[in-house]
Amino acid sequence: MIREGFDSTLVAAYEDFDVPVDRFFADDRLRGAFIASVAKRMGNQKLDAAAVMRRLMNLRKKGRLPRLRRAYHGRNARSN
């Protein structure tokens, strides 16, 4: 698997789901849907769920994930 293509696929799926990375670890159904979405974007490849989540976490730690578009309902968006 080419890392650049994989990373861009992960980022695109992350943007579409628009939820924090931590929620994927807390919610099994959400994590499954995310991994299925990534697999579909990659031509229905069989993916190791742990590897996908590990790479997503690494991208987050490196600051390579975009900011989420969530509504802040009156809170200061900069404090998040």
N, C-alpha and C. Protein backbone atom coordinates (compact mmCIF):
# COMPACT_ATOMS: atom_id res chain seq x y z
N MET A 1 0.86 -1.18 0.00
CA MET A 1 0.00 0.00 0.00
C MET A 1 0.90 1.24 0.00
N ILE A 2 0.64 2.16 -0.90
CA ILE A 2 1.42 3.40 -0.98
C ILE A 2 0.93 4.34 0.11
N ARG A 3 1.86 4.77 0.96
CA ARG A 3 1.48 5.55 2.14
C ARG A 3 0.80 6.87 1.77
N GLU A 4 1.32 7.60 0.75
CA GLU A 4 0.72 8.89 0.40
C GLU A 4 -0.75 8.72 0.01
N GLY A 5 -1.04 7.73 -0.82
CA GLY A 5 -2.42 7.49 -1.23
C GLY A 5 -3.28 7.05 -0.07
N PHE A 6 -2.72 6.22 0.78
CA PHE A 6 -3.44 5.75 1.96
C PHE A 6 -3.73 6.92 2.90
N ASP A 7 -2.73 7.76 3.13
CA ASP A 7 -2.91 8.92 4.01
C ASP A 7 -3.97 9.86 3.47
N SER A 8 -3.94 10.14 2.18
CA SER A 8 -4.94 11.05 1.62
C SER A 8 -6.34 10.45 1.70
N THR A 9 -6.44 9.14 1.56
CA THR A 9 -7.73 8.46 1.71
C THR A 9 -8.23 8.56 3.14
N LEU A 10 -7.33 8.34 4.09
CA LEU A 10 -7.71 8.47 5.50
C LEU A 10 -8.18 9.88 5.83
N VAL A 11 -7.46 10.88 5.34
CA VAL A 11 -7.81 12.27 5.61
C VAL A 11 -9.17 12.60 5.00
N ALA A 12 -9.43 12.14 3.78
CA ALA A 12 -10.71 12.42 3.13
C ALA A 12 -11.87 11.77 3.91
N ALA A 13 -11.67 10.54 4.35
CA ALA A 13 -12.71 9.86 5.13
C ALA A 13 -12.92 10.57 6.47
N TYR A 14 -11.84 10.98 7.10
CA TYR A 14 -11.91 11.70 8.38
C TYR A 14 -12.71 12.99 8.21
N GLU A 15 -12.46 13.71 7.13
CA GLU A 15 -13.21 14.95 6.87
C GLU A 15 -14.69 14.65 6.69
N ASP A 16 -15.02 13.59 5.98
CA ASP A 16 -16.43 13.25 5.75
C ASP A 16 -17.14 12.86 7.05
N PHE A 17 -16.46 12.14 7.93
CA PHE A 17 -17.08 11.72 9.19
C PHE A 17 -17.20 12.89 10.16
N ASP A 18 -16.26 13.81 10.14
CA ASP A 18 -16.31 15.04 10.93
C ASP A 18 -16.50 14.78 12.44
N VAL A 19 -15.78 13.79 12.95
CA VAL A 19 -15.79 13.50 14.39
C VAL A 19 -14.35 13.37 14.86
N PRO A 20 -14.08 13.66 16.12
CA PRO A 20 -12.71 13.54 16.65
C PRO A 20 -12.21 12.09 16.60
N VAL A 21 -10.92 11.92 16.44
CA VAL A 21 -10.31 10.60 16.37
C VAL A 21 -10.67 9.76 17.59
N ASP A 22 -10.70 10.36 18.75
CA ASP A 22 -11.00 9.61 19.99
C ASP A 22 -12.36 8.93 19.95
N ARG A 23 -13.31 9.51 19.24
CA ARG A 23 -14.65 8.90 19.16
C ARG A 23 -14.61 7.57 18.42
N PHE A 24 -13.68 7.43 17.46
CA PHE A 24 -13.56 6.16 16.74
C PHE A 24 -13.14 5.04 17.69
N PHE A 25 -12.31 5.38 18.66
CA PHE A 25 -11.85 4.39 19.62
C PHE A 25 -12.92 4.06 20.65
N ALA A 26 -13.81 4.98 20.91
CA ALA A 26 -14.85 4.79 21.92
C ALA A 26 -16.09 4.09 21.37
N ASP A 27 -16.31 4.17 20.08
CA ASP A 27 -17.55 3.66 19.48
C ASP A 27 -17.21 2.62 18.40
N ASP A 28 -17.47 1.36 18.70
CA ASP A 28 -17.14 0.28 17.77
C ASP A 28 -17.86 0.40 16.43
N ARG A 29 -19.14 0.78 16.47
CA ARG A 29 -19.89 0.90 15.21
C ARG A 29 -19.35 2.03 14.35
N LEU A 30 -19.03 3.15 14.98
CA LEU A 30 -18.47 4.28 14.24
C LEU A 30 -17.12 3.90 13.64
N ARG A 31 -16.30 3.23 14.42
CA ARG A 31 -14.99 2.79 13.93
C ARG A 31 -15.15 1.83 12.75
N GLY A 32 -16.10 0.90 12.85
CA GLY A 32 -16.35 -0.04 11.76
C GLY A 32 -16.81 0.66 10.49
N ALA A 33 -17.69 1.65 10.66
CA ALA A 33 -18.17 2.40 9.50
C ALA A 33 -17.03 3.19 8.86
N PHE A 34 -16.15 3.75 9.69
CA PHE A 34 -15.03 4.51 9.18
C PHE A 34 -14.09 3.60 8.38
N ILE A 35 -13.76 2.46 8.93
CA ILE A 35 -12.85 1.53 8.26
C ILE A 35 -13.48 1.01 6.97
N ALA A 36 -14.78 0.76 6.98
CA ALA A 36 -15.48 0.33 5.76
C ALA A 36 -15.44 1.42 4.71
N SER A 37 -15.58 2.66 5.13
CA SER A 37 -15.51 3.79 4.20
C SER A 37 -14.11 3.90 3.58
N VAL A 38 -13.09 3.74 4.39
CA VAL A 38 -11.71 3.79 3.87
C VAL A 38 -11.49 2.64 2.89
N ALA A 39 -11.93 1.44 3.25
CA ALA A 39 -11.76 0.27 2.37
C ALA A 39 -12.47 0.48 1.03
N LYS A 40 -13.68 1.04 1.08
CA LYS A 40 -14.44 1.29 -0.15
C LYS A 40 -13.71 2.30 -1.03
N ARG A 41 -13.16 3.35 -0.42
CA ARG A 41 -12.43 4.37 -1.17
C ARG A 41 -11.16 3.80 -1.81
N MET A 42 -10.66 2.72 -1.23
CA MET A 42 -9.43 2.10 -1.74
C MET A 42 -9.74 0.90 -2.63
N GLY A 43 -10.94 0.84 -3.17
CA GLY A 43 -11.30 -0.24 -4.08
C GLY A 43 -11.65 -1.53 -3.37
N ASN A 44 -12.29 -1.39 -2.23
CA ASN A 44 -12.73 -2.55 -1.42
C ASN A 44 -11.58 -3.46 -1.01
N GLN A 45 -10.45 -2.86 -0.69
CA GLN A 45 -9.32 -3.64 -0.18
C GLN A 45 -9.62 -4.13 1.23
N LYS A 46 -9.06 -5.27 1.56
CA LYS A 46 -9.18 -5.78 2.93
C LYS A 46 -8.13 -5.05 3.76
N LEU A 47 -8.57 -4.36 4.81
CA LEU A 47 -7.67 -3.56 5.63
C LEU A 47 -7.62 -4.09 7.05
N ASP A 48 -6.48 -3.98 7.68
CA ASP A 48 -6.32 -4.32 9.08
C ASP A 48 -6.82 -3.12 9.90
N ALA A 49 -7.88 -3.33 10.66
CA ALA A 49 -8.50 -2.23 11.41
C ALA A 49 -7.51 -1.56 12.35
N ALA A 50 -6.69 -2.36 13.02
CA ALA A 50 -5.72 -1.79 13.97
C ALA A 50 -4.70 -0.91 13.23
N ALA A 51 -4.28 -1.34 12.05
CA ALA A 51 -3.30 -0.56 11.27
C ALA A 51 -3.92 0.76 10.79
N VAL A 52 -5.18 0.70 10.39
CA VAL A 52 -5.86 1.92 9.94
C VAL A 52 -5.96 2.93 11.09
N MET A 53 -6.38 2.45 12.25
CA MET A 53 -6.54 3.35 13.38
C MET A 53 -5.18 3.87 13.89
N ARG A 54 -4.16 3.02 13.84
CA ARG A 54 -2.82 3.44 14.25
C ARG A 54 -2.31 4.55 13.33
N ARG A 55 -2.54 4.39 12.01
CA ARG A 55 -2.08 5.43 11.06
C ARG A 55 -2.88 6.71 11.26
N LEU A 56 -4.18 6.60 11.51
CA LEU A 56 -5.00 7.80 11.75
C LEU A 56 -4.48 8.54 12.99
N MET A 57 -4.17 7.80 14.03
CA MET A 57 -3.63 8.41 15.26
C MET A 57 -2.28 9.07 14.97
N ASN A 58 -1.44 8.43 14.18
CA ASN A 58 -0.14 9.02 13.83
C ASN A 58 -0.31 10.31 13.05
N LEU A 59 -1.26 10.33 12.12
CA LEU A 59 -1.53 11.56 11.37
C LEU A 59 -2.00 12.67 12.29
N ARG A 60 -2.82 12.31 13.27
CA ARG A 60 -3.30 13.32 14.22
C ARG A 60 -2.13 13.88 15.03
N LYS A 61 -1.27 13.00 15.52
CA LYS A 61 -0.13 13.44 16.33
C LYS A 61 0.83 14.32 15.55
N LYS A 62 0.94 14.07 14.25
CA LYS A 62 1.84 14.88 13.40
C LYS A 62 1.18 16.17 12.93
N GLY A 63 -0.09 16.37 13.27
CA GLY A 63 -0.80 17.58 12.87
C GLY A 63 -1.22 17.58 11.42
N ARG A 64 -1.41 16.41 10.84
CA ARG A 64 -1.74 16.33 9.42
C ARG A 64 -3.22 16.11 9.15
N LEU A 65 -4.03 16.13 10.20
CA LEU A 65 -5.48 16.04 10.01
C LEU A 65 -6.07 17.44 10.03
N PRO A 66 -7.05 17.69 9.17
CA PRO A 66 -7.67 19.03 9.15
C PRO A 66 -8.53 19.26 10.38
N ARG A 67 -8.77 20.53 10.65
CA ARG A 67 -9.67 20.88 11.75
C ARG A 67 -11.08 20.44 11.37
N LEU A 68 -11.83 20.04 12.36
CA LEU A 68 -13.20 19.60 12.13
C LEU A 68 -14.11 20.79 11.90
N ARG A 69 -15.22 20.56 11.21
CA ARG A 69 -16.17 21.63 10.87
C ARG A 69 -17.34 21.66 11.83
N ARG A 70 -17.19 21.05 13.00
CA ARG A 70 -18.31 20.93 13.94
C ARG A 70 -18.83 22.30 14.37
N ALA A 71 -20.10 22.34 14.70
CA ALA A 71 -20.71 23.55 15.24
C ALA A 71 -20.30 23.67 16.71
N TYR A 72 -19.99 24.86 17.15
CA TYR A 72 -19.51 25.05 18.52
C TYR A 72 -20.58 25.56 19.47
N HIS A 73 -21.76 25.85 18.97
CA HIS A 73 -22.91 26.22 19.81
C HIS A 73 -22.55 27.27 20.88
N GLY A 74 -21.92 28.34 20.43
CA GLY A 74 -21.65 29.45 21.33
C GLY A 74 -20.32 29.37 22.06
N ARG A 75 -19.65 28.23 21.99
CA ARG A 75 -18.34 28.12 22.65
C ARG A 75 -17.28 28.76 21.75
N ASN A 76 -16.19 29.10 22.34
CA ASN A 76 -15.09 29.66 21.59
C ASN A 76 -14.40 28.53 20.82
N ALA A 77 -14.42 28.61 19.49
CA ALA A 77 -13.85 27.56 18.66
C ALA A 77 -12.35 27.43 18.84
N ARG A 78 -11.68 28.46 19.23
CA ARG A 78 -10.23 28.42 19.37
C ARG A 78 -9.78 27.66 20.60
N SER A 79 -10.63 27.50 21.57
CA SER A 79 -10.23 26.79 22.80
C SER A 79 -10.30 25.29 22.61
N ASN A 80 -10.85 24.82 21.48
CA ASN A 80 -10.95 23.36 21.24
C ASN A 80 -9.76 22.88 20.57
